[in-house]
Amino acid sequence: MIVKRSIDNLELKFSLIEKILTFHTDFHIHIKNIKSIKEGKLSPWRRFLGFRCPGTFLPGVFKLGTYYTKEGREFWFWLRNKKYEYTIELKDEKYERLIISTNKKLSLNLKQKKRQLEYILNS
């Protein structure tokens, strides 16, 4: 998975194998629809919760795809061997949150990007 950001979008790009395992295409999320991004390891129990539909899951190894929990619809791209884990809270999107893991630390500076976007839209 490749994470890219532009002035007004956050993009998650998947390889062909990742698309097959997650049953999903690439994500294009408008920055104004991101409520927050939290970095940190998830509780081990959190990885086991949710009704998978559609997705792929091997306990303790990976959790990929769409899951329904009491908090709403979530998209997971979690792999055990990745260094960083992020929870991206969304609004006005198909999913309530995205849970992703990567080997690279994300430096998104969303507050600054949101201010730039608001300035451009209000100009």
N, C-alpha and C. Protein backbone atom coordinates (compact mmCIF):
# COMPACT_ATOMS: atom_id res chain seq x y z
N MET A 1 0.84 -1.17 0.00
CA MET A 1 0.00 0.00 0.00
C MET A 1 0.89 1.23 0.00
N ILE A 2 0.50 2.19 -0.80
CA ILE A 2 1.21 3.47 -0.87
C ILE A 2 0.25 4.55 -0.40
N VAL A 3 0.71 5.39 0.52
CA VAL A 3 -0.09 6.51 1.02
C VAL A 3 0.47 7.78 0.40
N LYS A 4 -0.41 8.54 -0.27
CA LYS A 4 -0.01 9.81 -0.88
C LYS A 4 -0.94 10.89 -0.39
N ARG A 5 -0.42 12.10 -0.34
CA ARG A 5 -1.28 13.23 -0.02
C ARG A 5 -1.04 14.35 -1.01
N SER A 6 -2.09 15.04 -1.32
CA SER A 6 -2.00 16.24 -2.15
C SER A 6 -2.60 17.36 -1.31
N ILE A 7 -2.77 18.52 -1.91
CA ILE A 7 -3.27 19.64 -1.12
C ILE A 7 -4.69 19.39 -0.61
N ASP A 8 -5.47 18.59 -1.32
CA ASP A 8 -6.85 18.39 -0.87
C ASP A 8 -7.29 16.93 -0.76
N ASN A 9 -6.39 15.98 -0.99
CA ASN A 9 -6.76 14.56 -0.94
C ASN A 9 -5.72 13.71 -0.23
N LEU A 10 -6.20 12.67 0.41
CA LEU A 10 -5.36 11.61 0.94
C LEU A 10 -5.69 10.38 0.10
N GLU A 11 -4.66 9.75 -0.45
CA GLU A 11 -4.88 8.60 -1.33
C GLU A 11 -4.18 7.38 -0.75
N LEU A 12 -4.89 6.26 -0.75
CA LEU A 12 -4.33 4.97 -0.41
C LEU A 12 -4.36 4.14 -1.68
N LYS A 13 -3.20 3.79 -2.19
CA LYS A 13 -3.11 3.02 -3.43
C LYS A 13 -2.66 1.60 -3.11
N PHE A 14 -3.42 0.62 -3.62
CA PHE A 14 -3.17 -0.78 -3.35
C PHE A 14 -2.61 -1.48 -4.59
N SER A 15 -1.76 -2.47 -4.35
CA SER A 15 -1.29 -3.32 -5.44
C SER A 15 -2.43 -4.27 -5.83
N LEU A 16 -2.26 -5.01 -6.90
CA LEU A 16 -3.29 -5.94 -7.36
C LEU A 16 -3.61 -6.99 -6.29
N ILE A 17 -2.59 -7.55 -5.67
CA ILE A 17 -2.81 -8.57 -4.61
C ILE A 17 -3.56 -7.95 -3.44
N GLU A 18 -3.18 -6.73 -3.05
CA GLU A 18 -3.87 -6.05 -1.94
C GLU A 18 -5.32 -5.78 -2.28
N LYS A 19 -5.60 -5.42 -3.52
CA LYS A 19 -6.99 -5.19 -3.94
C LYS A 19 -7.80 -6.48 -3.86
N ILE A 20 -7.18 -7.59 -4.23
CA ILE A 20 -7.88 -8.88 -4.17
C ILE A 20 -8.16 -9.27 -2.72
N LEU A 21 -7.17 -9.11 -1.84
CA LEU A 21 -7.33 -9.50 -0.43
C LEU A 21 -8.28 -8.59 0.34
N THR A 22 -8.32 -7.30 -0.01
CA THR A 22 -9.19 -6.37 0.69
C THR A 22 -10.57 -6.24 0.05
N PHE A 23 -10.72 -6.77 -1.16
CA PHE A 23 -11.96 -6.62 -1.93
C PHE A 23 -12.29 -5.13 -2.11
N HIS A 24 -11.28 -4.32 -2.35
CA HIS A 24 -11.48 -2.88 -2.44
C HIS A 24 -10.49 -2.27 -3.43
N THR A 25 -10.89 -1.15 -4.04
CA THR A 25 -9.99 -0.41 -4.91
C THR A 25 -9.31 0.69 -4.09
N ASP A 26 -8.59 1.56 -4.75
CA ASP A 26 -7.87 2.64 -4.07
C ASP A 26 -8.85 3.59 -3.38
N PHE A 27 -8.35 4.26 -2.32
CA PHE A 27 -9.13 5.27 -1.61
C PHE A 27 -8.67 6.66 -2.03
N HIS A 28 -9.62 7.56 -2.20
CA HIS A 28 -9.36 8.98 -2.44
C HIS A 28 -10.26 9.73 -1.47
N ILE A 29 -9.65 10.27 -0.42
CA ILE A 29 -10.42 10.92 0.65
C ILE A 29 -10.09 12.40 0.68
N HIS A 30 -11.11 13.21 0.63
CA HIS A 30 -10.93 14.66 0.70
C HIS A 30 -10.46 15.01 2.12
N ILE A 31 -9.48 15.89 2.24
CA ILE A 31 -8.88 16.23 3.54
C ILE A 31 -9.93 16.78 4.50
N LYS A 32 -10.91 17.52 4.00
CA LYS A 32 -11.91 18.11 4.90
C LYS A 32 -12.80 17.02 5.53
N ASN A 33 -12.79 15.81 4.99
CA ASN A 33 -13.58 14.71 5.55
C ASN A 33 -12.81 13.87 6.56
N ILE A 34 -11.59 14.27 6.89
CA ILE A 34 -10.80 13.57 7.90
C ILE A 34 -10.94 14.30 9.22
N LYS A 35 -11.51 13.62 10.23
CA LYS A 35 -11.66 14.23 11.55
C LYS A 35 -10.36 14.19 12.32
N SER A 36 -9.67 13.05 12.28
CA SER A 36 -8.42 12.92 13.02
C SER A 36 -7.62 11.73 12.52
N ILE A 37 -6.34 11.77 12.84
CA ILE A 37 -5.45 10.64 12.58
C ILE A 37 -4.69 10.37 13.86
N LYS A 38 -4.82 9.14 14.36
CA LYS A 38 -4.15 8.75 15.59
C LYS A 38 -3.12 7.67 15.27
N GLU A 39 -1.93 7.86 15.82
CA GLU A 39 -0.89 6.85 15.66
C GLU A 39 -0.78 6.07 16.95
N GLY A 40 -0.59 4.78 16.85
CA GLY A 40 -0.40 3.97 18.04
C GLY A 40 -0.86 2.54 17.83
N LYS A 41 -0.29 1.67 18.61
CA LYS A 41 -0.64 0.25 18.53
C LYS A 41 -2.07 0.04 19.03
N LEU A 42 -2.78 -0.83 18.33
CA LEU A 42 -4.15 -1.17 18.71
C LEU A 42 -4.15 -2.25 19.77
N SER A 43 -5.19 -2.27 20.56
CA SER A 43 -5.37 -3.35 21.51
C SER A 43 -5.49 -4.66 20.74
N PRO A 44 -4.84 -5.72 21.22
CA PRO A 44 -4.96 -7.00 20.52
C PRO A 44 -6.42 -7.45 20.34
N TRP A 45 -7.28 -7.14 21.30
CA TRP A 45 -8.69 -7.53 21.19
C TRP A 45 -9.40 -6.77 20.10
N ARG A 46 -8.99 -5.53 19.86
CA ARG A 46 -9.61 -4.71 18.82
C ARG A 46 -9.47 -5.37 17.45
N ARG A 47 -8.38 -6.08 17.24
CA ARG A 47 -8.15 -6.74 15.96
C ARG A 47 -9.09 -7.91 15.72
N PHE A 48 -9.70 -8.44 16.77
CA PHE A 48 -10.58 -9.60 16.63
C PHE A 48 -12.05 -9.22 16.53
N LEU A 49 -12.38 -7.95 16.82
CA LEU A 49 -13.78 -7.52 16.83
C LEU A 49 -14.27 -7.19 15.42
N GLY A 50 -15.57 -7.33 15.21
CA GLY A 50 -16.17 -6.91 13.96
C GLY A 50 -16.64 -8.07 13.09
N PHE A 51 -17.65 -7.75 12.31
CA PHE A 51 -18.21 -8.69 11.35
C PHE A 51 -17.59 -8.38 10.00
N ARG A 52 -16.90 -9.33 9.40
CA ARG A 52 -16.17 -9.14 8.14
C ARG A 52 -17.12 -9.30 6.96
N CYS A 53 -17.14 -8.28 6.08
CA CYS A 53 -18.03 -8.38 4.94
C CYS A 53 -17.71 -7.30 3.90
N PRO A 54 -16.96 -7.50 2.90
CA PRO A 54 -16.06 -8.61 2.61
C PRO A 54 -14.66 -8.27 3.13
N GLY A 55 -13.88 -9.29 3.34
CA GLY A 55 -12.52 -9.08 3.82
C GLY A 55 -11.80 -10.39 4.01
N THR A 56 -10.56 -10.29 4.48
CA THR A 56 -9.71 -11.44 4.70
C THR A 56 -9.10 -11.31 6.08
N PHE A 57 -9.01 -12.42 6.83
CA PHE A 57 -8.54 -12.35 8.21
C PHE A 57 -7.81 -13.63 8.57
N LEU A 58 -6.63 -13.48 9.13
CA LEU A 58 -5.88 -14.59 9.70
C LEU A 58 -5.45 -14.11 11.08
N PRO A 59 -6.03 -14.64 12.15
CA PRO A 59 -5.82 -14.12 13.51
C PRO A 59 -4.35 -13.90 13.85
N GLY A 60 -4.05 -12.68 14.29
CA GLY A 60 -2.71 -12.32 14.69
C GLY A 60 -1.74 -12.07 13.56
N VAL A 61 -2.17 -12.27 12.31
CA VAL A 61 -1.27 -12.11 11.17
C VAL A 61 -1.71 -10.93 10.28
N PHE A 62 -2.98 -10.91 9.86
CA PHE A 62 -3.49 -9.79 9.09
C PHE A 62 -4.99 -9.68 9.20
N LYS A 63 -5.48 -8.46 8.97
CA LYS A 63 -6.90 -8.15 8.93
C LYS A 63 -7.08 -7.13 7.81
N LEU A 64 -7.76 -7.54 6.73
CA LEU A 64 -7.87 -6.72 5.54
C LEU A 64 -9.32 -6.65 5.07
N GLY A 65 -9.78 -5.47 4.70
CA GLY A 65 -11.11 -5.35 4.12
C GLY A 65 -12.08 -4.57 4.98
N THR A 66 -13.38 -4.76 4.69
CA THR A 66 -14.47 -4.05 5.35
C THR A 66 -14.97 -4.85 6.55
N TYR A 67 -15.13 -4.16 7.68
CA TYR A 67 -15.63 -4.78 8.91
C TYR A 67 -16.69 -3.87 9.52
N TYR A 68 -17.70 -4.49 10.11
CA TYR A 68 -18.76 -3.76 10.79
C TYR A 68 -18.62 -4.00 12.29
N THR A 69 -18.54 -2.90 13.04
CA THR A 69 -18.45 -2.98 14.50
C THR A 69 -19.56 -2.11 15.09
N LYS A 70 -19.63 -2.06 16.41
CA LYS A 70 -20.65 -1.22 17.05
C LYS A 70 -20.42 0.27 16.76
N GLU A 71 -19.20 0.62 16.35
CA GLU A 71 -18.88 2.01 16.02
C GLU A 71 -19.16 2.35 14.56
N GLY A 72 -19.52 1.36 13.74
CA GLY A 72 -19.83 1.60 12.35
C GLY A 72 -18.95 0.82 11.40
N ARG A 73 -19.00 1.21 10.14
CA ARG A 73 -18.23 0.53 9.09
C ARG A 73 -16.77 0.99 9.14
N GLU A 74 -15.86 0.01 9.10
CA GLU A 74 -14.43 0.29 9.16
C GLU A 74 -13.72 -0.42 8.02
N PHE A 75 -12.65 0.19 7.54
CA PHE A 75 -11.80 -0.47 6.56
C PHE A 75 -10.47 -0.75 7.25
N TRP A 76 -10.03 -2.01 7.17
CA TRP A 76 -8.78 -2.44 7.80
C TRP A 76 -7.75 -2.83 6.76
N PHE A 77 -6.54 -2.34 6.98
CA PHE A 77 -5.37 -2.82 6.24
C PHE A 77 -4.28 -2.98 7.30
N TRP A 78 -4.42 -4.01 8.11
CA TRP A 78 -3.50 -4.25 9.23
C TRP A 78 -2.71 -5.53 8.99
N LEU A 79 -1.38 -5.38 9.07
CA LEU A 79 -0.47 -6.52 8.94
C LEU A 79 0.44 -6.55 10.17
N ARG A 80 0.67 -7.72 10.72
CA ARG A 80 1.43 -7.87 11.97
C ARG A 80 2.84 -7.29 11.88
N ASN A 81 3.52 -7.47 10.78
CA ASN A 81 4.92 -7.12 10.70
C ASN A 81 5.19 -5.65 10.36
N LYS A 82 4.17 -4.80 10.38
CA LYS A 82 4.36 -3.39 10.07
C LYS A 82 4.69 -2.60 11.35
N LYS A 83 5.48 -1.57 11.20
CA LYS A 83 6.02 -0.82 12.33
C LYS A 83 5.03 0.19 12.92
N TYR A 84 4.25 0.86 12.07
CA TYR A 84 3.35 1.93 12.52
C TYR A 84 1.89 1.56 12.23
N GLU A 85 1.01 1.94 13.17
CA GLU A 85 -0.43 1.71 13.00
C GLU A 85 -1.15 3.04 13.15
N TYR A 86 -2.11 3.29 12.25
CA TYR A 86 -2.86 4.55 12.25
C TYR A 86 -4.35 4.27 12.21
N THR A 87 -5.09 5.08 12.94
CA THR A 87 -6.56 5.08 12.87
C THR A 87 -6.96 6.43 12.32
N ILE A 88 -7.61 6.43 11.17
CA ILE A 88 -8.05 7.66 10.51
C ILE A 88 -9.56 7.75 10.67
N GLU A 89 -10.01 8.72 11.46
CA GLU A 89 -11.44 8.94 11.69
C GLU A 89 -11.97 9.82 10.56
N LEU A 90 -13.13 9.42 9.98
CA LEU A 90 -13.69 10.12 8.83
C LEU A 90 -15.09 10.65 9.13
N LYS A 91 -15.51 11.61 8.34
CA LYS A 91 -16.89 12.10 8.37
C LYS A 91 -17.36 12.26 6.93
N ASP A 92 -18.64 12.09 6.71
CA ASP A 92 -19.25 12.22 5.38
C ASP A 92 -18.58 11.32 4.34
N GLU A 93 -18.17 10.14 4.76
CA GLU A 93 -17.56 9.15 3.88
C GLU A 93 -18.29 7.81 4.07
N LYS A 94 -18.01 6.88 3.20
CA LYS A 94 -18.61 5.54 3.26
C LYS A 94 -18.21 4.81 4.54
N TYR A 95 -16.99 5.06 5.02
CA TYR A 95 -16.47 4.40 6.22
C TYR A 95 -16.36 5.39 7.37
N GLU A 96 -16.55 4.89 8.59
CA GLU A 96 -16.37 5.71 9.79
C GLU A 96 -14.90 5.91 10.10
N ARG A 97 -14.10 4.88 9.78
CA ARG A 97 -12.66 4.96 10.05
C ARG A 97 -11.90 3.99 9.18
N LEU A 98 -10.63 4.32 8.99
CA LEU A 98 -9.68 3.46 8.29
C LEU A 98 -8.61 3.09 9.31
N ILE A 99 -8.27 1.84 9.40
CA ILE A 99 -7.18 1.38 10.26
C ILE A 99 -6.12 0.80 9.34
N ILE A 100 -4.95 1.43 9.32
CA ILE A 100 -3.90 0.99 8.41
C ILE A 100 -2.59 0.80 9.17
N SER A 101 -1.74 -0.06 8.64
CA SER A 101 -0.40 -0.24 9.19
C SER A 101 0.60 -0.09 8.05
N THR A 102 1.74 0.54 8.35
CA THR A 102 2.77 0.77 7.36
C THR A 102 4.15 0.62 8.01
N ASN A 103 5.17 0.54 7.18
CA ASN A 103 6.54 0.55 7.68
C ASN A 103 7.11 1.96 7.73
N LYS A 104 6.43 2.90 7.08
CA LYS A 104 6.90 4.28 7.05
C LYS A 104 6.02 5.16 7.92
N LYS A 105 6.65 6.06 8.63
CA LYS A 105 5.90 7.01 9.44
C LYS A 105 5.24 8.03 8.52
N LEU A 106 3.96 8.27 8.71
CA LEU A 106 3.24 9.23 7.88
C LEU A 106 3.44 10.63 8.44
N SER A 107 3.73 11.58 7.59
CA SER A 107 3.83 12.98 8.00
C SER A 107 2.84 13.77 7.16
N LEU A 108 1.61 13.78 7.62
CA LEU A 108 0.53 14.33 6.79
C LEU A 108 0.25 15.81 7.04
N ASN A 109 0.52 16.33 8.24
CA ASN A 109 0.27 17.74 8.56
C ASN A 109 -1.13 18.16 8.10
N LEU A 110 -2.13 17.45 8.57
CA LEU A 110 -3.49 17.70 8.07
C LEU A 110 -4.03 19.06 8.47
N LYS A 111 -3.69 19.55 9.66
CA LYS A 111 -4.22 20.86 10.07
C LYS A 111 -3.73 21.94 9.12
N GLN A 112 -2.46 21.90 8.77
CA GLN A 112 -1.91 22.87 7.83
C GLN A 112 -2.57 22.71 6.46
N LYS A 113 -2.76 21.49 6.00
CA LYS A 113 -3.39 21.26 4.70
C LYS A 113 -4.83 21.75 4.70
N LYS A 114 -5.55 21.52 5.82
CA LYS A 114 -6.94 21.98 5.90
C LYS A 114 -6.99 23.50 5.82
N ARG A 115 -6.06 24.18 6.50
CA ARG A 115 -6.03 25.64 6.45
C ARG A 115 -5.75 26.13 5.03
N GLN A 116 -4.80 25.49 4.35
CA GLN A 116 -4.49 25.87 2.97
C GLN A 116 -5.71 25.68 2.08
N LEU A 117 -6.40 24.55 2.25
CA LEU A 117 -7.58 24.25 1.44
C LEU A 117 -8.68 25.28 1.72
N GLU A 118 -8.93 25.60 3.01
CA GLU A 118 -9.96 26.58 3.34
C GLU A 118 -9.62 27.94 2.72
N TYR A 119 -8.35 28.31 2.76
CA TYR A 119 -7.91 29.58 2.16
C TYR A 119 -8.20 29.58 0.65
N ILE A 120 -7.87 28.49 -0.02
CA ILE A 120 -8.09 28.40 -1.47
C ILE A 120 -9.59 28.45 -1.79
N LEU A 121 -10.40 27.72 -1.01
CA LEU A 121 -11.83 27.67 -1.27
C LEU A 121 -12.51 29.01 -0.97
N ASN A 122 -11.99 29.74 0.02
CA ASN A 122 -12.60 31.01 0.41
C ASN A 122 -12.07 32.19 -0.39
N SER A 123 -11.07 31.98 -1.24
CA SER A 123 -10.49 33.07 -2.04
C SER A 123 -11.33 33.36 -3.27
